[in-house]
Amino acid sequence: MRKITVTIPASTTNIGCGFDCLGLALSLYNTVEVEKIKGDEVIVEIEGEGRKLIPTNEENIIFPALKMVFDRVGEKLKGLRIKEVNRIPLEKGLGSSAATRLGGIVAASCLLKANLDTREILKMAVSLEGHPDNVAASLLGGFVAVTFCETDPVWVKLPVPETLRVVIVIPDKKILTRRARRVLPEKISFSDAVFNLSRLAILVPSLSQGIWENLALATQDKLHQPYRTSLLPEMEDVFEAALDAGAKGVFLSGAGSGVAAFSFEDKAEKIGRTMQKVFLSRGTKANYLILCVDKKGCRVDEKKH
């Protein structure tokens, strides 16, 4: 019998101005194990984050991901044991759903020898996730810019200096992505579009080349963060506190509720504690993580037993 283990990094996306098109893979991981078993049953086990909340039946989001690959090769989804080990916090803007879906697609592709390439995996994952930034970063690793041309993904993976740390403060409140999208306007002004485009033009080369003095400006945004303050009223105060504590740039991680700050190792603890204190002063418990950029993306381990 073969067992496939897929390790998937968390991701922080948008990075302020890069709404739905920029992602950064982080050194925090979920794993998905899939193995064939005798009979028709599909057994799902959950460990870690969401152990008591995530369904173990067909309502689990891994099922459509697996089924997509099984359908592709003409096999029925049956006779499997699936184990999800979740270390990525749920609904905190760190790509937990993207990691699960990617884990299912990649594991099924390896188990069934479907030979899916990167483009096909991305297309499948995006069709389930609804936007490409988390899945592209977690699949490819590193700093990724991604878009879709008609139905095909187009991406560029960029280098990031080894000294970069990402401090994530995680408040004890969840924000559903669909709720975070509902608060966004249907239209934006021309001036707000230009504001974001100008920041994006500075952000991509500055982050890739380590031009740190540009990042406080370059991570600014007018397309989504101002509207999401209604869901996370502490956000602007957390941003200000992080910059005062030495952060190079700060932004809402994905749709939130996590907030991410760019830092070096020597200031990371101070920045994390400072952001945490802002939430605590408002009566919200919070913790923080200091993470590196994961440059490898999804990785697969196959064992026979």
Protein backbone atom coordinates (compact mmCIF):
# COMPACT_ATOMS: atom_id res chain seq x y z
CA MET A 1 0.00 0.00 0.00
CA ARG A 2 1.18 3.53 -0.76
CA LYS A 3 0.86 6.53 1.52
CA ILE A 4 1.31 10.05 0.20
CA THR A 5 2.14 12.85 2.63
CA VAL A 6 1.91 16.42 1.35
CA THR A 7 3.30 19.32 3.38
CA ILE A 8 1.75 22.69 2.53
CA PRO A 9 2.97 26.08 3.79
CA ALA A 10 0.70 28.81 5.06
CA SER A 11 0.45 32.00 3.03
CA THR A 12 -0.12 35.68 3.60
CA THR A 13 -1.67 37.50 0.68
CA ASN A 14 -2.62 40.88 -0.74
CA ILE A 15 0.38 42.41 1.10
CA GLY A 16 -1.57 45.63 1.27
CA CYS A 17 -1.96 46.91 -2.27
CA GLY A 18 -1.74 43.60 -4.19
CA PHE A 19 -5.35 42.52 -3.82
CA ASP A 20 -5.87 38.92 -5.03
CA CYS A 21 -2.59 38.89 -6.97
CA LEU A 22 0.32 38.73 -4.47
CA GLY A 23 1.17 35.97 -2.03
CA LEU A 24 4.01 34.99 0.27
CA ALA A 25 4.52 31.43 1.56
CA LEU A 26 5.35 31.13 5.27
CA SER A 27 7.14 28.64 7.52
CA LEU A 28 3.99 27.25 9.12
CA TYR A 29 2.60 24.02 7.74
CA ASN A 30 -0.36 21.71 7.35
CA THR A 31 0.11 18.14 6.26
CA VAL A 32 -2.30 15.89 4.38
CA GLU A 33 -1.78 12.12 4.35
CA VAL A 34 -3.72 9.97 1.88
CA GLU A 35 -3.46 6.22 1.52
CA LYS A 36 -5.44 3.48 -0.18
CA ILE A 37 -7.26 1.05 2.12
CA LYS A 38 -9.35 -2.04 1.51
CA GLY A 39 -13.06 -1.54 0.97
CA ASP A 40 -15.06 1.48 -0.17
CA GLU A 41 -14.98 3.62 2.97
CA VAL A 42 -13.32 7.02 3.09
CA ILE A 43 -12.00 7.71 6.58
CA VAL A 44 -11.00 11.25 7.58
CA GLU A 45 -8.97 12.05 10.70
CA ILE A 46 -8.26 15.59 11.91
CA GLU A 47 -5.47 16.69 14.25
CA GLY A 48 -4.58 20.18 15.44
CA GLU A 49 -6.46 23.32 14.44
CA GLY A 50 -10.19 22.75 14.01
CA ARG A 51 -10.07 19.18 15.28
CA LYS A 52 -13.53 19.49 16.84
CA LEU A 53 -14.96 21.80 14.18
CA ILE A 54 -13.94 20.43 10.79
CA PRO A 55 -16.33 17.80 9.41
CA THR A 56 -14.98 14.32 8.74
CA ASN A 57 -17.64 13.51 6.16
CA GLU A 58 -18.17 14.75 2.60
CA GLU A 59 -18.72 18.30 3.88
CA ASN A 60 -14.96 18.54 4.45
CA ILE A 61 -13.47 20.80 1.75
CA ILE A 62 -10.85 18.20 0.90
CA PHE A 63 -13.48 15.97 -0.75
CA PRO A 64 -14.11 18.16 -3.85
CA ALA A 65 -10.35 18.53 -4.24
CA LEU A 66 -9.78 14.79 -4.18
CA LYS A 67 -12.81 14.08 -6.36
CA MET A 68 -11.62 16.48 -9.04
CA VAL A 69 -8.48 14.37 -9.54
CA PHE A 70 -10.26 11.03 -9.20
CA ASP A 71 -12.77 12.13 -11.85
CA ARG A 72 -9.90 13.26 -14.06
CA VAL A 73 -8.47 9.72 -14.18
CA GLY A 74 -11.86 8.01 -14.25
CA GLU A 75 -11.76 6.46 -10.77
CA LYS A 76 -14.32 6.56 -7.98
CA LEU A 77 -13.45 8.27 -4.72
CA LYS A 78 -13.42 5.31 -2.34
CA GLY A 79 -11.15 3.16 -0.22
CA LEU A 80 -9.09 5.95 1.35
CA ARG A 81 -7.75 7.00 4.70
CA ILE A 82 -7.12 10.73 4.95
CA LYS A 83 -5.32 12.41 7.84
CA GLU A 84 -5.17 16.19 8.10
CA VAL A 85 -2.70 17.68 10.56
CA ASN A 86 -3.55 21.37 10.79
CA ARG A 87 -1.13 23.90 12.22
CA ILE A 88 -2.38 26.88 10.20
CA PRO A 89 -5.01 28.82 12.21
CA LEU A 90 -8.47 28.79 10.68
CA GLU A 91 -10.10 31.94 9.28
CA LYS A 92 -7.15 34.18 10.20
CA GLY A 93 -5.99 35.12 6.71
CA LEU A 94 -3.22 32.51 6.48
CA GLY A 95 -4.57 30.30 3.72
CA SER A 96 -5.81 27.33 5.74
CA SER A 97 -8.50 26.39 3.19
CA ALA A 98 -6.06 26.77 0.30
CA ALA A 99 -3.61 24.46 2.06
CA THR A 100 -6.27 21.78 2.55
CA ARG A 101 -7.44 21.94 -1.06
CA LEU A 102 -3.91 21.90 -2.42
CA GLY A 103 -3.03 18.99 -0.16
CA GLY A 104 -5.96 17.01 -1.52
CA ILE A 105 -5.20 17.75 -5.17
CA VAL A 106 -1.46 17.07 -4.92
CA ALA A 107 -1.90 13.92 -2.82
CA ALA A 108 -4.52 12.49 -5.18
CA SER A 109 -2.38 13.32 -8.21
CA CYS A 110 0.57 11.41 -6.73
CA LEU A 111 -1.53 8.53 -5.41
CA LEU A 112 -3.23 7.98 -8.77
CA LYS A 113 -0.14 8.87 -10.83
CA ALA A 114 -2.18 11.51 -12.63
CA ASN A 115 0.98 13.50 -13.50
CA LEU A 116 -0.70 16.89 -13.07
CA ASP A 117 1.64 19.76 -13.80
CA THR A 118 1.84 23.02 -11.89
CA ARG A 119 -0.56 24.82 -14.23
CA GLU A 120 -3.21 22.11 -13.91
CA ILE A 121 -2.90 21.98 -10.13
CA LEU A 122 -3.26 25.75 -9.91
CA LYS A 123 -6.32 25.77 -12.16
CA MET A 124 -8.00 23.08 -10.09
CA ALA A 125 -7.19 24.74 -6.79
CA VAL A 126 -8.33 28.18 -7.95
CA SER A 127 -11.61 26.75 -9.26
CA LEU A 128 -12.30 25.60 -5.69
CA GLU A 129 -10.73 28.47 -3.77
CA GLY A 130 -12.07 31.31 -5.93
CA HIS A 131 -8.86 33.39 -6.02
CA PRO A 132 -5.28 32.47 -6.96
CA ASP A 133 -3.02 34.24 -4.45
CA ASN A 134 -3.02 31.78 -1.53
CA VAL A 135 -2.82 28.63 -3.64
CA ALA A 136 -0.05 29.99 -5.88
CA ALA A 137 2.12 31.00 -2.91
CA SER A 138 1.55 27.73 -1.05
CA LEU A 139 2.14 25.58 -4.13
CA LEU A 140 5.20 27.39 -5.47
CA GLY A 141 6.72 28.84 -2.29
CA GLY A 142 8.38 32.21 -1.91
CA PHE A 143 6.99 35.53 -3.15
CA VAL A 144 4.54 35.03 -6.01
CA ALA A 145 2.64 37.38 -8.32
CA VAL A 146 -0.22 35.60 -10.07
CA THR A 147 -3.13 36.35 -12.38
CA PHE A 148 -5.36 34.54 -14.87
CA CYS A 149 -5.35 35.13 -18.62
CA GLU A 150 -8.72 33.80 -19.73
CA THR A 151 -8.63 30.38 -18.03
CA ASP A 152 -4.88 29.89 -17.63
CA PRO A 153 -2.80 31.05 -14.65
CA VAL A 154 0.23 33.24 -15.23
CA TRP A 155 2.69 33.63 -12.39
CA VAL A 156 6.12 34.93 -11.51
CA LYS A 157 8.06 33.67 -8.49
CA LEU A 158 10.42 36.29 -7.11
CA PRO A 159 13.33 36.05 -4.67
CA VAL A 160 13.11 37.49 -1.16
CA PRO A 161 16.13 38.22 1.07
CA GLU A 162 16.85 35.60 3.75
CA THR A 163 16.80 38.25 6.50
CA LEU A 164 13.07 38.95 6.11
CA ARG A 165 10.77 37.87 8.92
CA VAL A 166 6.98 38.06 8.90
CA VAL A 167 5.38 38.73 12.28
CA ILE A 168 1.75 37.63 12.37
CA VAL A 169 -0.52 38.73 15.20
CA ILE A 170 -3.54 36.46 15.51
CA PRO A 171 -6.49 37.89 17.44
CA ASP A 172 -9.10 35.66 19.02
CA LYS A 173 -11.70 36.52 16.40
CA LYS A 174 -12.43 34.94 13.05
CA ILE A 175 -13.33 36.65 9.80
CA LEU A 176 -14.93 34.49 7.13
CA THR A 177 -13.53 35.28 3.68
CA ARG A 178 -17.00 35.52 2.17
CA ARG A 179 -17.99 38.04 4.84
CA ALA A 180 -14.81 40.04 4.26
CA ARG A 181 -15.63 40.18 0.54
CA ARG A 182 -19.20 41.31 1.14
CA VAL A 183 -18.03 44.55 2.75
CA LEU A 184 -16.07 45.57 -0.37
CA PRO A 185 -17.62 48.10 -2.77
CA GLU A 186 -18.71 47.12 -6.26
CA LYS A 187 -16.91 50.14 -7.72
CA ILE A 188 -13.87 52.20 -6.73
CA SER A 189 -12.71 55.66 -7.70
CA PHE A 190 -10.07 56.29 -10.35
CA SER A 191 -7.87 57.96 -7.73
CA ASP A 192 -8.03 54.91 -5.44
CA ALA A 193 -7.05 52.65 -8.36
CA VAL A 194 -4.04 54.86 -9.12
CA PHE A 195 -3.13 54.94 -5.42
CA ASN A 196 -2.89 51.14 -5.33
CA LEU A 197 -1.17 50.80 -8.69
CA SER A 198 1.54 53.24 -7.62
CA ARG A 199 2.15 51.29 -4.41
CA LEU A 200 2.15 47.97 -6.25
CA ALA A 201 4.76 49.26 -8.70
CA ILE A 202 7.04 50.04 -5.73
CA LEU A 203 6.18 47.00 -3.59
CA VAL A 204 7.15 44.18 -5.93
CA PRO A 205 10.76 45.23 -6.67
CA SER A 206 11.31 46.62 -3.16
CA LEU A 207 10.27 43.42 -1.40
CA SER A 208 12.19 41.24 -3.84
CA GLN A 209 15.36 43.35 -3.67
CA GLY A 210 15.21 44.19 0.03
CA ILE A 211 14.69 47.93 -0.35
CA TRP A 212 13.18 48.02 3.12
CA GLU A 213 12.68 51.77 3.45
CA ASN A 214 9.99 51.63 0.73
CA LEU A 215 7.76 49.02 2.35
CA ALA A 216 5.82 51.19 4.81
CA LEU A 217 4.56 53.22 1.86
CA ALA A 218 4.30 50.31 -0.56
CA THR A 219 2.04 48.19 1.68
CA GLN A 220 -0.60 50.92 1.86
CA ASP A 221 -3.98 50.17 0.32
CA LYS A 222 -7.32 51.75 -0.56
CA LEU A 223 -9.10 48.82 -2.22
CA HIS A 224 -9.91 46.49 0.66
CA GLN A 225 -8.32 47.35 4.01
CA PRO A 226 -10.31 50.55 4.73
CA TYR A 227 -13.59 48.67 4.18
CA ARG A 228 -12.53 45.78 6.40
CA THR A 229 -11.97 47.98 9.43
CA SER A 230 -15.67 47.46 10.12
CA LEU A 231 -14.80 43.80 10.78
CA LEU A 232 -11.53 44.50 12.58
CA PRO A 233 -11.80 47.95 14.21
CA GLU A 234 -8.39 47.58 15.89
CA MET A 235 -6.62 47.31 12.53
CA GLU A 236 -5.42 50.88 12.01
CA ASP A 237 -4.13 51.16 15.58
CA VAL A 238 -2.29 47.85 15.18
CA PHE A 239 -0.72 49.14 11.95
CA GLU A 240 0.46 52.34 13.62
CA ALA A 241 1.84 50.50 16.65
CA ALA A 242 3.74 48.01 14.47
CA LEU A 243 5.41 50.77 12.45
CA ASP A 244 6.29 52.67 15.63
CA ALA A 245 7.90 49.48 16.98
CA GLY A 246 10.14 49.16 13.91
CA ALA A 247 8.13 47.19 11.35
CA LYS A 248 9.20 47.82 7.76
CA GLY A 249 5.64 47.43 6.49
CA VAL A 250 2.32 46.20 7.87
CA PHE A 251 -0.91 44.93 6.32
CA LEU A 252 -3.99 42.81 6.86
CA SER A 253 -3.08 39.18 6.16
CA GLY A 254 -5.45 38.06 3.43
CA ALA A 255 -8.98 38.88 4.54
CA GLY A 256 -7.91 38.85 8.21
CA SER A 257 -8.25 38.68 11.10
CA GLY A 258 -4.48 38.20 11.24
CA VAL A 259 -2.23 41.22 10.74
CA ALA A 260 1.24 40.79 9.21
CA ALA A 261 4.31 42.95 9.67
CA PHE A 262 7.65 42.82 7.87
CA SER A 263 10.63 42.80 10.20
CA PHE A 264 14.18 41.68 10.85
CA GLU A 265 14.95 39.10 13.53
CA ASP A 266 16.15 41.64 16.13
CA LYS A 267 12.88 43.62 16.14
CA ALA A 268 10.42 40.79 15.56
CA GLU A 269 9.60 40.00 19.21
CA LYS A 270 9.06 43.66 20.03
CA ILE A 271 6.76 44.13 17.04
CA GLY A 272 4.78 41.02 17.91
CA ARG A 273 4.29 42.05 21.54
CA THR A 274 3.36 45.58 20.52
CA MET A 275 0.65 44.45 18.11
CA GLN A 276 -0.61 41.93 20.65
CA LYS A 277 -0.94 44.67 23.29
CA VAL A 278 -3.18 46.76 21.05
CA PHE A 279 -5.65 43.90 20.75
CA LEU A 280 -5.42 43.17 24.47
CA SER A 281 -6.10 46.84 25.28
CA ARG A 282 -9.35 46.50 23.32
CA GLY A 283 -10.37 43.37 25.20
CA THR A 284 -9.37 40.87 22.48
CA LYS A 285 -6.95 38.06 23.26
CA ALA A 286 -4.19 37.62 20.69
CA ASN A 287 -0.96 35.77 20.14
CA TYR A 288 1.75 36.19 17.55
CA LEU A 289 4.07 34.12 15.38
CA ILE A 290 7.45 35.01 13.92
CA LEU A 291 7.83 33.26 10.58
CA CYS A 292 10.32 33.00 7.75
CA VAL A 293 9.47 32.90 4.07
CA ASP A 294 9.06 29.32 2.87
CA LYS A 295 10.82 29.06 -0.49
CA LYS A 296 9.99 25.45 -1.40
CA GLY A 297 6.19 25.39 -1.47
CA CYS A 298 4.29 22.07 -1.45
CA ARG A 299 6.41 18.99 -0.96
CA VAL A 300 5.52 15.33 -1.28
CA ASP A 301 6.75 12.29 0.58
CA GLU A 302 5.75 8.83 -0.65
CA LYS A 303 6.10 5.64 1.37
CA LYS A 304 5.17 2.03 0.72
CA HIS A 305 4.12 -0.25 3.53
